[in-house]
Amino acid sequence: MYKVVVHKRAVKYLKKVTESQKHKIKEVLSKLIPDPNMYTGVKNMAGDWVGYRRIRIGDVRIIFWVDRDKKIIYVDHIGNRGDIYKN
C-alpha cells in the first residue's frame, strides 16, 4: 500500500472545484494506493516532466511521481488541461 502526499498548490486547486469534481479526483487517487503501476489511466510524461506521471479526468490533470522505496505517491499538481503545464 502506498501513501498519498498532496502538495499545497494541488490542495489549493481542490478547494476551488465543485464537490462532484473533488469526489472524482479523490476516487482516482484512492485507486492508486494499492499500486500506482497497476492503474490503467496513468501515462508517463516526457520532456521537462520526465519522471512524472499524469492521469486525465476530463479536462483535469493530476501530475504526480512515485517514490517506490518509501511507497509514497507525491501529487505535485492538479489543474485544468490548459493551465497545468505552465507552472
C-alpha atoms as a PDB file:
ATOM      1  CA  MET A   1       0.000   0.000   0.000  1.00  0.00           C
ATOM      2  CA  TYR A   2       1.207   3.467  -0.911  1.00  0.00           C
ATOM      3  CA  LYS A   3       0.676   6.712   0.958  1.00  0.00           C
ATOM      4  CA  VAL A   4      -0.523   9.787  -0.980  1.00  0.00           C
ATOM      5  CA  VAL A   5       1.079  13.171  -0.203  1.00  0.00           C
ATOM      6  CA  VAL A   6      -0.606  16.165  -1.855  1.00  0.00           C
ATOM      7  CA  HIS A   7       1.341  19.398  -2.430  1.00  0.00           C
ATOM      8  CA  LYS A   8      -0.227  22.626  -1.135  1.00  0.00           C
ATOM      9  CA  ARG A   9      -0.736  24.002  -4.685  1.00  0.00           C
ATOM     10  CA  ALA A  10      -2.789  20.883  -5.507  1.00  0.00           C
ATOM     11  CA  VAL A  11      -4.802  21.309  -2.302  1.00  0.00           C
ATOM     12  CA  LYS A  12      -5.422  24.939  -3.279  1.00  0.00           C
ATOM     13  CA  TYR A  13      -6.904  23.783  -6.598  1.00  0.00           C
ATOM     14  CA  LEU A  14      -9.093  21.203  -4.835  1.00  0.00           C
ATOM     15  CA  LYS A  15     -10.592  23.938  -2.658  1.00  0.00           C
ATOM     16  CA  LYS A  16     -11.815  25.738  -5.806  1.00  0.00           C
ATOM     17  CA  VAL A  17     -13.583  22.843  -7.558  1.00  0.00           C
ATOM     18  CA  THR A  18     -17.114  21.556  -7.069  1.00  0.00           C
ATOM     19  CA  GLU A  19     -17.830  18.709  -4.689  1.00  0.00           C
ATOM     20  CA  SER A  20     -18.512  16.317  -7.583  1.00  0.00           C
ATOM     21  CA  GLN A  21     -15.147  17.122  -9.204  1.00  0.00           C
ATOM     22  CA  LYS A  22     -13.413  16.791  -5.841  1.00  0.00           C
ATOM     23  CA  HIS A  23     -15.063  13.403  -5.338  1.00  0.00           C
ATOM     24  CA  LYS A  24     -13.882  12.158  -8.770  1.00  0.00           C
ATOM     25  CA  ILE A  25     -10.304  13.286  -8.111  1.00  0.00           C
ATOM     26  CA  LYS A  26     -10.213  11.656  -4.672  1.00  0.00           C
ATOM     27  CA  GLU A  27     -11.704   8.472  -6.125  1.00  0.00           C
ATOM     28  CA  VAL A  28      -8.949   8.241  -8.748  1.00  0.00           C
ATOM     29  CA  LEU A  29      -6.232   8.942  -6.175  1.00  0.00           C
ATOM     30  CA  SER A  30      -7.619   6.222  -3.914  1.00  0.00           C
ATOM     31  CA  LYS A  31      -7.325   3.740  -6.795  1.00  0.00           C
ATOM     32  CA  LEU A  32      -3.582   4.461  -6.957  1.00  0.00           C
ATOM     33  CA  ILE A  33      -2.971   3.472  -3.325  1.00  0.00           C
ATOM     34  CA  PRO A  34      -2.719  -0.319  -3.791  1.00  0.00           C
ATOM     35  CA  ASP A  35      -0.193   0.016  -6.656  1.00  0.00           C
ATOM     36  CA  PRO A  36       0.150   3.086  -8.913  1.00  0.00           C
ATOM     37  CA  ASN A  37       1.692   0.909 -11.632  1.00  0.00           C
ATOM     38  CA  MET A  38      -1.479  -1.138 -11.988  1.00  0.00           C
ATOM     39  CA  TYR A  39      -3.883   1.782 -12.641  1.00  0.00           C
ATOM     40  CA  THR A  40      -4.651   1.854 -16.374  1.00  0.00           C
ATOM     41  CA  GLY A  41      -5.139   5.606 -16.825  1.00  0.00           C
ATOM     42  CA  VAL A  42      -1.570   6.575 -15.891  1.00  0.00           C
ATOM     43  CA  LYS A  43       0.725   7.987 -18.605  1.00  0.00           C
ATOM     44  CA  ASN A  44       4.448   8.642 -18.266  1.00  0.00           C
ATOM     45  CA  MET A  45       5.397  12.206 -19.108  1.00  0.00           C
ATOM     46  CA  ALA A  46       8.243  13.413 -21.341  1.00  0.00           C
ATOM     47  CA  GLY A  47      10.393  16.490 -21.863  1.00  0.00           C
ATOM     48  CA  ASP A  48      10.713  18.735 -18.816  1.00  0.00           C
ATOM     49  CA  TRP A  49       8.352  16.395 -16.956  1.00  0.00           C
ATOM     50  CA  VAL A  50      10.407  13.171 -17.238  1.00  0.00           C
ATOM     51  CA  GLY A  51       9.921  11.064 -14.119  1.00  0.00           C
ATOM     52  CA  TYR A  52       6.408  12.374 -13.565  1.00  0.00           C
ATOM     53  CA  ARG A  53       3.167  10.638 -14.455  1.00  0.00           C
ATOM     54  CA  ARG A  54      -0.240  12.034 -15.249  1.00  0.00           C
ATOM     55  CA  ILE A  55      -3.841  10.985 -15.019  1.00  0.00           C
ATOM     56  CA  ARG A  56      -6.565  12.569 -17.094  1.00  0.00           C
ATOM     57  CA  ILE A  57     -10.037  13.151 -15.643  1.00  0.00           C
ATOM     58  CA  GLY A  58     -11.898  15.036 -18.360  1.00  0.00           C
ATOM     59  CA  ASP A  59     -10.139  18.413 -18.640  1.00  0.00           C
ATOM     60  CA  VAL A  60      -8.405  17.981 -15.281  1.00  0.00           C
ATOM     61  CA  ARG A  61      -4.879  16.573 -14.987  1.00  0.00           C
ATOM     62  CA  ILE A  62      -3.229  15.067 -11.928  1.00  0.00           C
ATOM     63  CA  ILE A  63       0.562  15.148 -12.116  1.00  0.00           C
ATOM     64  CA  PHE A  64       2.464  13.008  -9.649  1.00  0.00           C
ATOM     65  CA  TRP A  65       5.612  10.980  -9.087  1.00  0.00           C
ATOM     66  CA  VAL A  66       6.207   7.816  -7.104  1.00  0.00           C
ATOM     67  CA  ASP A  67       8.902   7.029  -4.553  1.00  0.00           C
ATOM     68  CA  ARG A  68       8.924   3.238  -4.706  1.00  0.00           C
ATOM     69  CA  ASP A  69      11.395   2.810  -1.835  1.00  0.00           C
ATOM     70  CA  LYS A  70       9.281   4.788   0.638  1.00  0.00           C
ATOM     71  CA  LYS A  71       5.976   3.749  -1.007  1.00  0.00           C
ATOM     72  CA  ILE A  72       4.778   7.340  -1.343  1.00  0.00           C
ATOM     73  CA  ILE A  73       2.851   8.963  -4.195  1.00  0.00           C
ATOM     74  CA  TYR A  74       3.633  12.692  -4.383  1.00  0.00           C
ATOM     75  CA  VAL A  75       0.837  14.667  -6.086  1.00  0.00           C
ATOM     76  CA  ASP A  76       2.550  17.863  -7.242  1.00  0.00           C
ATOM     77  CA  HIS A  77      -0.090  19.445  -9.489  1.00  0.00           C
ATOM     78  CA  ILE A  78      -3.816  19.204 -10.078  1.00  0.00           C
ATOM     79  CA  GLY A  79      -5.371  21.562 -12.591  1.00  0.00           C
ATOM     80  CA  ASN A  80      -7.087  22.224 -15.880  1.00  0.00           C
ATOM     81  CA  ARG A  81      -5.514  20.857 -19.037  1.00  0.00           C
ATOM     82  CA  GLY A  82      -4.578  24.250 -20.482  1.00  0.00           C
ATOM     83  CA  ASP A  83      -3.067  25.678 -17.302  1.00  0.00           C
ATOM     84  CA  ILE A  84      -1.353  22.738 -15.625  1.00  0.00           C
ATOM     85  CA  TYR A  85       1.757  22.597 -17.806  1.00  0.00           C
ATOM     86  CA  LYS A  86       2.518  26.326 -17.430  1.00  0.00           C
ATOM     87  CA  ASN A  87       3.597  26.026 -13.761  1.00  0.00           C
END
